[in-house]
Amino acid sequence: MKFAVAIVCLVVVAVARASLTEEQIQKLKGYHKDCAAETGVDTELVTKARKGEFSEDPKFKDHLFCVAKKIGFMTADGEIHRDVLKEKLGSAINDDAAAQKLIDECAVKKDTPQATAFDTIQCYYVKTPTHISIV
């Protein structure tokens, strides 16, 4: 039940900030559910991240990487799909130049795919006034 509440909260935030279609909402719900089952993440960490409290917990980082792969932001080997990011961010914030600036600042490959996903998603959250988040 706690997990279902967390997913609903996440989707509400995502809808409010990124104008997601119903299909995208359903996909995002499925991604979080699948990734939570796959990684064993404490869903409270996901809920806290939605509020800007990003945990260094390895399972949480695995969860973010899993979601990033499913959305198409990253490949399984941790490569960043900058074109996908630009398309999704540009439509979410309605500003291609601002989206490109975010990508340049935030989408930086780190030592591990999990660190890349974590740092990229946290950076987007911090650097956007509406706190864009896939969490």
Protein backbone atom coordinates (compact mmCIF):
# COMPACT_ATOMS: atom_id res chain seq x y z
CA MET A 1 0.00 0.00 0.00
CA LYS A 2 2.82 2.39 0.92
CA PHE A 3 4.38 1.79 -2.50
CA ALA A 4 1.10 2.51 -4.30
CA VAL A 5 0.73 5.82 -2.45
CA ALA A 6 4.30 6.77 -3.37
CA ILE A 7 3.68 6.01 -7.04
CA VAL A 8 0.47 8.04 -7.10
CA CYS A 9 2.28 10.99 -5.49
CA LEU A 10 5.10 10.73 -7.99
CA VAL A 11 2.75 10.63 -10.93
CA VAL A 12 0.77 13.63 -9.67
CA VAL A 13 3.97 15.65 -9.39
CA ALA A 14 5.13 14.52 -12.81
CA VAL A 15 1.81 15.41 -14.41
CA ALA A 16 1.73 18.82 -12.82
CA ARG A 17 5.23 19.66 -13.95
CA ALA A 18 5.64 17.95 -17.27
CA SER A 19 2.16 17.79 -18.79
CA LEU A 20 2.36 14.05 -19.35
CA THR A 21 -0.19 12.22 -21.42
CA GLU A 22 -2.23 9.44 -19.83
CA GLU A 23 -0.10 6.90 -21.69
CA GLN A 24 3.10 8.45 -20.32
CA ILE A 25 1.65 8.46 -16.80
CA GLN A 26 0.86 4.77 -17.03
CA LYS A 27 4.31 3.99 -18.40
CA LEU A 28 5.99 5.96 -15.61
CA LYS A 29 3.92 4.14 -12.98
CA GLY A 30 4.96 0.83 -14.51
CA TYR A 31 8.61 1.83 -14.67
CA HIS A 32 8.70 2.79 -11.01
CA LYS A 33 6.86 -0.37 -9.99
CA ASP A 34 9.14 -2.61 -12.07
CA CYS A 35 12.30 -0.84 -10.91
CA ALA A 36 11.26 -0.92 -7.25
CA ALA A 37 10.71 -4.68 -7.51
CA GLU A 38 13.98 -5.15 -9.38
CA THR A 39 16.14 -3.04 -7.05
CA GLY A 40 14.43 -3.52 -3.69
CA VAL A 41 14.55 0.23 -3.07
CA ASP A 42 12.90 1.61 0.06
CA THR A 43 10.00 3.53 -1.51
CA GLU A 44 10.28 6.14 1.23
CA LEU A 45 13.58 7.19 -0.39
CA VAL A 46 11.76 7.72 -3.68
CA THR A 47 9.10 9.81 -1.93
CA LYS A 48 11.76 11.91 -0.20
CA ALA A 49 13.60 12.49 -3.49
CA ARG A 50 10.41 13.96 -4.89
CA LYS A 51 10.79 16.62 -2.19
CA GLY A 52 14.47 17.18 -2.96
CA GLU A 53 15.98 14.80 -0.38
CA PHE A 54 18.24 12.55 -2.47
CA SER A 55 19.67 9.56 -0.60
CA GLU A 56 23.10 8.11 -1.32
CA ASP A 57 21.62 4.63 -0.78
CA PRO A 58 22.92 2.22 -3.47
CA LYS A 59 19.47 0.71 -4.03
CA PHE A 60 18.04 4.18 -4.60
CA LYS A 61 20.76 4.90 -7.17
CA ASP A 62 20.03 1.55 -8.82
CA HIS A 63 16.34 2.53 -8.92
CA LEU A 64 17.08 5.87 -10.63
CA PHE A 65 19.32 4.15 -13.17
CA CYS A 66 16.63 1.56 -13.85
CA VAL A 67 13.99 4.25 -14.43
CA ALA A 68 16.37 6.30 -16.60
CA LYS A 69 16.96 3.24 -18.81
CA LYS A 70 13.26 2.49 -19.12
CA ILE A 71 12.44 6.09 -20.03
CA GLY A 72 15.22 6.05 -22.59
CA PHE A 73 17.52 8.66 -21.01
CA MET A 74 20.34 6.14 -20.63
CA THR A 75 21.55 2.90 -22.13
CA ALA A 76 22.24 -0.27 -20.13
CA ASP A 77 25.96 0.54 -20.16
CA GLY A 78 25.34 4.05 -18.77
CA GLU A 79 25.60 6.15 -21.92
CA ILE A 80 23.41 9.25 -21.87
CA HIS A 81 20.95 9.77 -24.75
CA ARG A 82 21.29 13.55 -25.00
CA ASP A 83 18.83 13.75 -27.91
CA VAL A 84 16.12 11.98 -25.90
CA LEU A 85 16.81 14.24 -22.93
CA LYS A 86 16.54 17.35 -25.08
CA GLU A 87 13.25 16.22 -26.60
CA LYS A 88 11.68 15.36 -23.25
CA LEU A 89 13.06 18.33 -21.32
CA GLY A 90 12.27 20.76 -24.12
CA SER A 91 8.63 19.73 -24.14
CA ALA A 92 8.45 19.66 -20.33
CA ILE A 93 9.74 23.20 -19.88
CA ASN A 94 8.72 24.59 -23.29
CA ASP A 95 12.16 26.05 -23.89
CA ASP A 96 14.71 24.24 -26.06
CA ALA A 97 17.56 26.60 -25.13
CA ALA A 98 16.94 26.11 -21.41
CA ALA A 99 16.69 22.36 -21.96
CA GLN A 100 20.04 22.34 -23.74
CA LYS A 101 21.60 24.34 -20.90
CA LEU A 102 20.28 21.81 -18.36
CA ILE A 103 21.65 18.94 -20.40
CA ASP A 104 25.05 20.59 -20.72
CA GLU A 105 25.20 21.23 -16.96
CA CYS A 106 23.60 18.06 -15.67
CA ALA A 107 24.00 15.17 -18.12
CA VAL A 108 27.60 14.36 -17.29
CA LYS A 109 28.88 10.79 -17.34
CA LYS A 110 30.29 9.65 -13.98
CA ASP A 111 32.28 6.60 -12.88
CA THR A 112 29.23 4.33 -12.79
CA PRO A 113 25.87 4.35 -14.58
CA GLN A 114 24.14 4.61 -11.20
CA ALA A 115 26.17 7.68 -10.25
CA THR A 116 25.44 9.22 -13.64
CA ALA A 117 21.68 8.69 -13.25
CA PHE A 118 21.71 9.93 -9.65
CA ASP A 119 23.75 13.08 -10.33
CA THR A 120 21.85 13.91 -13.53
CA ILE A 121 18.40 13.56 -11.97
CA GLN A 122 19.41 15.42 -8.82
CA CYS A 123 20.93 18.22 -10.90
CA TYR A 124 17.73 18.59 -12.94
CA TYR A 125 15.73 18.79 -9.76
CA VAL A 126 17.99 21.46 -8.25
CA LYS A 127 18.37 23.58 -11.39
CA THR A 128 14.74 23.79 -12.49
CA PRO A 129 12.33 26.22 -10.84
CA THR A 130 9.49 23.72 -11.18
CA HIS A 131 11.73 20.89 -9.97
CA ILE A 132 11.57 18.61 -12.97
CA SER A 133 11.80 15.12 -11.64
CA ILE A 134 11.31 11.62 -12.94
CA VAL A 135 11.46 10.34 -9.42
